[in-house]
């Protein structure tokens, strides 16, 4: 089955108002920026987003966030996104912060058809006991707090019950993909993209390099095409447009130094 869609706008054309989205990427690495921009251009709002973070440096999900298109975020990292923090503290945005490993497993479990699982992460904290601020009232008070979760003892150790995550759509970015939706991710872009792709009922992948079926060694496939419904091939310019969140360079050695 050829899953290639002509444009990113075509690929997200049926994402409705208030849809839930699992979005891949880690920081600025592996973020499906072209699909996110297409959603922005469509004007879709009221979105519930599940992602490790919500964009940075006015890139990725930060584009939708700054336009007040996102109503709820499930993630594990606010980081240096000042607009994310401002909207959260002002009561404009509902935020469910959970441990990063738990988020990864909740996405994987949802995609694997596992409704819930037990983990020791968060036991003895507000993650399990409830009371984490999901929404502030804009005056420093908590308008909505997280509920308590089931905690159970297994062999003398307590575990908290976490539910798998399923979303209406998933947006991911891959280094390579074929027309059947088989995907390959490059290095750290593999952190959350495969998991987000599994969680979506309709998964849309933007790929930096589109190849024909059979061109990818089956043993090299990171995510089978069974999890992907649509593929968008990026232009060379789109594929090369990658920002660096923290640019660090070494200090040049002085002339005449021992190492010079």
Protein backbone atom coordinates (compact mmCIF):
# COMPACT_ATOMS: atom_id res chain seq x y z
CA UNK A 1 0.00 0.00 0.00
CA UNK A 2 1.42 3.36 -1.06
CA UNK A 3 0.93 5.69 1.93
CA UNK A 4 2.64 8.77 0.46
CA UNK A 5 0.59 11.98 0.63
CA UNK A 6 1.42 14.86 -1.71
CA UNK A 7 1.75 17.65 0.84
CA UNK A 8 1.86 18.21 4.59
CA UNK A 9 -1.36 20.23 4.35
CA UNK A 10 -3.09 17.28 2.70
CA UNK A 11 -1.75 14.95 5.38
CA UNK A 12 -3.26 16.96 8.27
CA UNK A 13 -6.40 18.07 6.44
CA UNK A 14 -8.73 15.97 8.61
CA UNK A 15 -7.25 16.86 12.03
CA UNK A 16 -10.27 18.46 13.76
CA UNK A 17 -10.62 21.09 16.45
CA UNK A 18 -9.87 19.63 19.88
CA UNK A 19 -7.98 16.61 18.53
CA UNK A 20 -5.41 14.79 20.66
CA UNK A 21 -1.91 14.49 19.21
CA UNK A 22 1.18 12.48 20.13
CA UNK A 23 4.16 14.41 18.78
CA UNK A 24 7.67 13.02 18.45
CA UNK A 25 10.94 14.75 19.10
CA UNK A 26 13.31 15.42 21.96
CA UNK A 27 14.23 19.08 22.46
CA UNK A 28 14.76 20.22 18.87
CA UNK A 29 15.87 16.79 17.66
CA UNK A 30 13.51 14.85 15.42
CA UNK A 31 10.62 17.30 15.69
CA UNK A 32 8.03 17.08 12.86
CA UNK A 33 8.26 20.80 12.16
CA UNK A 34 6.71 20.69 8.68
CA UNK A 35 3.57 18.89 9.85
CA UNK A 36 3.28 21.21 12.84
CA UNK A 37 3.54 24.23 10.54
CA UNK A 38 0.82 22.75 8.34
CA UNK A 39 -1.47 22.44 11.38
CA UNK A 40 -0.71 26.05 12.24
CA UNK A 41 -1.63 27.16 8.71
CA UNK A 42 -4.92 25.28 8.93
CA UNK A 43 -5.84 27.20 12.09
CA UNK A 44 -6.73 24.13 14.16
CA UNK A 45 -7.06 24.93 17.88
CA UNK A 46 -8.05 23.38 21.22
CA UNK A 47 -5.45 20.65 20.74
CA UNK A 48 -4.44 18.19 23.45
CA UNK A 49 -0.76 17.41 22.93
CA UNK A 50 1.31 14.52 24.30
CA UNK A 51 5.01 15.21 23.84
CA UNK A 52 8.22 15.17 25.85
CA UNK A 53 8.35 18.97 25.67
CA UNK A 54 6.36 21.70 23.94
CA UNK A 55 8.89 23.19 21.58
CA UNK A 56 11.74 25.63 22.06
CA UNK A 57 13.25 28.69 20.39
CA UNK A 58 9.95 29.46 18.62
CA UNK A 59 10.25 26.13 16.83
CA UNK A 60 8.18 22.94 16.75
CA UNK A 61 5.17 22.91 19.04
CA UNK A 62 6.12 26.39 20.26
CA UNK A 63 4.55 27.66 17.02
CA UNK A 64 1.14 26.30 18.03
CA UNK A 65 1.63 27.20 21.68
CA UNK A 66 2.40 30.87 20.97
CA UNK A 67 -0.77 31.08 18.87
CA UNK A 68 -2.85 29.64 21.77
CA UNK A 69 -3.83 26.62 19.69
CA UNK A 70 -2.98 24.11 22.46
CA UNK A 71 -5.33 23.61 25.41
CA UNK A 72 -3.63 20.74 27.22
CA UNK A 73 -0.13 19.27 27.35
CA UNK A 74 0.95 15.92 28.72
CA UNK A 75 4.74 15.95 28.96
CA UNK A 76 7.77 15.72 31.17
CA UNK A 77 9.79 18.87 30.52
CA UNK A 78 9.05 22.59 30.40
CA UNK A 79 12.73 23.54 30.16
CA UNK A 80 13.61 26.96 28.78
CA UNK A 81 10.25 27.52 27.07
CA UNK A 82 9.21 30.75 28.79
CA UNK A 83 5.88 30.98 26.97
CA UNK A 84 5.01 27.44 28.06
CA UNK A 85 5.74 28.38 31.69
CA UNK A 86 3.83 31.66 31.40
CA UNK A 87 0.67 30.07 30.00
CA UNK A 88 0.79 27.31 32.61
CA UNK A 89 1.20 29.67 35.57
CA UNK A 90 -1.40 32.08 34.17
CA UNK A 91 -4.03 29.35 34.03
CA UNK A 92 -4.27 29.46 30.24
CA UNK A 93 -2.94 25.95 29.74
CA UNK A 94 -3.61 22.61 31.43
CA UNK A 95 -0.39 20.65 31.98
CA UNK A 96 0.10 17.09 33.19
CA UNK A 97 3.77 16.65 34.08
CA UNK A 98 4.88 13.05 34.52
CA UNK A 99 8.25 11.28 34.79
CA UNK A 100 9.98 11.01 31.43
CA UNK A 101 10.34 7.22 31.51
CA UNK A 102 6.69 6.87 32.50
CA UNK A 103 5.66 9.04 29.56
CA UNK A 104 7.68 6.87 27.18
CA UNK A 105 6.13 3.68 28.53
CA UNK A 106 2.60 5.09 28.54
CA UNK A 107 2.95 5.85 24.82
CA UNK A 108 4.47 2.44 24.07
CA UNK A 109 1.83 0.64 26.12
CA UNK A 110 -1.00 2.45 24.37
CA UNK A 111 0.42 1.51 20.99
CA UNK A 112 0.88 -2.10 22.05
CA UNK A 113 -2.72 -2.40 23.25
CA UNK A 114 -1.79 -2.48 26.95
CA UNK A 115 -4.35 -0.41 28.89
CA UNK A 116 -2.26 0.11 32.03
CA UNK A 117 0.89 -0.98 33.86
CA UNK A 118 2.56 -0.68 37.26
CA UNK A 119 5.80 1.23 37.82
CA UNK A 120 7.77 2.26 40.93
CA UNK A 121 8.43 5.74 39.46
CA UNK A 122 6.51 8.36 41.42
CA UNK A 123 5.54 6.24 44.43
CA UNK A 124 5.52 8.36 47.58
CA UNK A 125 5.17 11.62 45.61
CA UNK A 126 2.29 13.68 44.24
CA UNK A 127 2.58 11.66 41.03
CA UNK A 128 0.94 8.79 42.91
CA UNK A 129 -0.75 10.61 45.80
CA UNK A 130 -2.37 13.31 43.67
CA UNK A 131 -2.27 17.06 44.11
CA UNK A 132 0.00 18.04 41.22
CA UNK A 133 -1.25 21.33 39.71
CA UNK A 134 -2.76 20.57 36.33
CA UNK A 135 -4.19 24.08 35.96
CA UNK A 136 -3.59 27.26 37.94
CA UNK A 137 -6.24 29.92 38.50
CA UNK A 138 -3.98 32.77 37.37
CA UNK A 139 -3.57 34.10 40.90
CA UNK A 140 -1.17 31.49 42.24
CA UNK A 141 -3.89 29.07 43.34
CA UNK A 142 -4.58 25.62 41.93
CA UNK A 143 -7.77 25.37 39.89
CA UNK A 144 -7.36 21.69 38.96
CA UNK A 145 -5.11 19.10 40.58
CA UNK A 146 -4.17 15.57 39.61
CA UNK A 147 -6.19 12.76 41.23
CA UNK A 148 -4.59 10.00 43.32
CA UNK A 149 -3.62 6.82 41.52
CA UNK A 150 -3.85 3.20 42.56
CA UNK A 151 -0.76 1.94 44.41
CA UNK A 152 -0.19 -1.80 44.87
CA UNK A 153 2.39 -3.92 46.63
CA UNK A 154 4.32 -6.52 44.64
CA UNK A 155 6.81 -8.63 46.62
CA UNK A 156 7.29 -5.93 49.22
CA UNK A 157 7.69 -3.03 46.77
CA UNK A 158 5.02 -0.45 46.00
CA UNK A 159 4.09 0.38 42.42
CA UNK A 160 1.75 3.00 40.98
CA UNK A 161 -0.74 2.21 38.21
CA UNK A 162 -0.23 4.25 35.04
CA UNK A 163 -2.54 4.13 32.03
CA UNK A 164 -1.44 3.69 28.44
CA UNK A 165 -1.89 6.66 26.11
CA UNK A 166 -3.78 6.63 22.82
CA UNK A 167 -4.30 9.75 20.71
CA UNK A 168 -6.37 10.64 17.68
CA UNK A 169 -3.30 11.45 15.60
CA UNK A 170 0.48 11.22 15.86
CA UNK A 171 3.04 13.42 14.11
CA UNK A 172 6.59 12.12 13.77
CA UNK A 173 9.79 12.76 11.80
CA UNK A 174 12.10 10.07 10.42
CA UNK A 175 15.45 10.16 8.64
CA UNK A 176 14.28 7.62 6.09
CA UNK A 177 11.01 5.99 5.14
CA UNK A 178 9.53 3.95 2.35
CA UNK A 179 6.15 4.13 0.66
CA UNK A 180 4.78 1.42 2.97
CA UNK A 181 5.52 3.53 6.06
CA UNK A 182 8.54 1.62 7.37
CA UNK A 183 10.72 4.17 9.18
CA UNK A 184 14.34 4.62 10.24
CA UNK A 185 15.36 7.25 12.82
CA UNK A 186 18.76 8.84 13.27
CA UNK A 187 20.41 8.70 16.71
CA UNK A 188 18.55 10.74 19.37
CA UNK A 189 15.57 11.33 17.07
CA UNK A 190 14.67 7.75 17.97
CA UNK A 191 13.97 8.71 21.61
CA UNK A 192 10.25 9.55 21.37
CA UNK A 193 9.31 9.32 17.69
CA UNK A 194 8.66 5.55 17.51
CA UNK A 195 6.67 5.66 20.75
CA UNK A 196 4.56 8.61 19.63
CA UNK A 197 3.93 6.87 16.31
CA UNK A 198 2.68 3.76 18.08
CA UNK A 199 0.23 5.75 20.21
CA UNK A 200 -1.59 7.47 17.34
CA UNK A 201 -4.71 6.01 15.79
CA UNK A 202 -3.68 7.84 12.61
CA UNK A 203 0.08 8.38 12.38
CA UNK A 204 1.61 10.83 9.92
CA UNK A 205 5.35 10.71 9.27
CA UNK A 206 7.46 13.35 7.56
CA UNK A 207 10.59 11.73 6.15
CA UNK A 208 13.84 13.36 5.14
CA UNK A 209 14.53 10.67 2.55
CA UNK A 210 11.79 8.71 0.78
CA UNK A 211 12.85 5.36 -0.71
CA UNK A 212 11.06 2.58 -2.54
CA UNK A 213 9.78 -0.53 -0.75
CA UNK A 214 12.59 -3.02 -0.28
CA UNK A 215 15.31 -0.37 -0.14
CA UNK A 216 15.43 -0.57 3.66
CA UNK A 217 16.89 -3.77 5.09
CA UNK A 218 14.06 -5.29 7.19
CA UNK A 219 16.55 -5.73 10.03
CA UNK A 220 17.24 -1.96 9.95
CA UNK A 221 13.60 -0.88 10.31
CA UNK A 222 13.03 0.96 13.61
CA UNK A 223 9.25 1.26 13.22
CA UNK A 224 7.19 -1.07 11.00
CA UNK A 225 4.75 0.47 8.55
CA UNK A 226 1.81 -1.13 10.37
CA UNK A 227 1.95 1.85 12.75
CA UNK A 228 2.03 4.50 10.00
CA UNK A 229 -0.91 5.59 7.87
CA UNK A 230 0.53 8.57 5.94
CA UNK A 231 3.99 9.56 4.71
CA UNK A 232 5.10 13.03 3.59
CA UNK A 233 8.41 13.37 1.72
CA UNK A 234 10.32 16.52 2.70
CA UNK A 235 12.14 18.69 0.21
CA UNK A 236 15.96 18.87 0.57
CA UNK A 237 15.54 22.36 2.07
CA UNK A 238 13.00 21.16 4.63
CA UNK A 239 15.14 18.16 5.54
CA UNK A 240 18.20 20.35 6.08
CA UNK A 241 16.39 22.93 8.23
CA UNK A 242 17.55 21.82 11.69
CA UNK A 243 18.08 24.20 14.57
CA UNK A 244 20.58 23.79 17.41
CA UNK A 245 19.16 24.45 20.87
CA UNK A 246 22.46 24.99 22.70
CA UNK A 247 25.41 25.79 20.44
CA UNK A 248 28.73 25.07 22.15
CA UNK A 249 32.13 25.59 20.56
CA UNK A 250 35.61 25.01 21.89
CA UNK A 251 38.03 27.86 22.50
CA UNK A 252 40.76 27.91 19.81
CA UNK A 253 44.22 27.11 21.10
CA UNK A 254 46.56 30.10 21.30
CA UNK A 255 49.22 30.36 18.61
CA UNK A 256 52.53 28.93 19.73
CA UNK A 257 50.95 26.75 22.41
CA UNK A 258 52.15 23.19 22.97
CA UNK A 259 49.14 21.84 21.11
CA UNK A 260 49.39 24.47 18.39
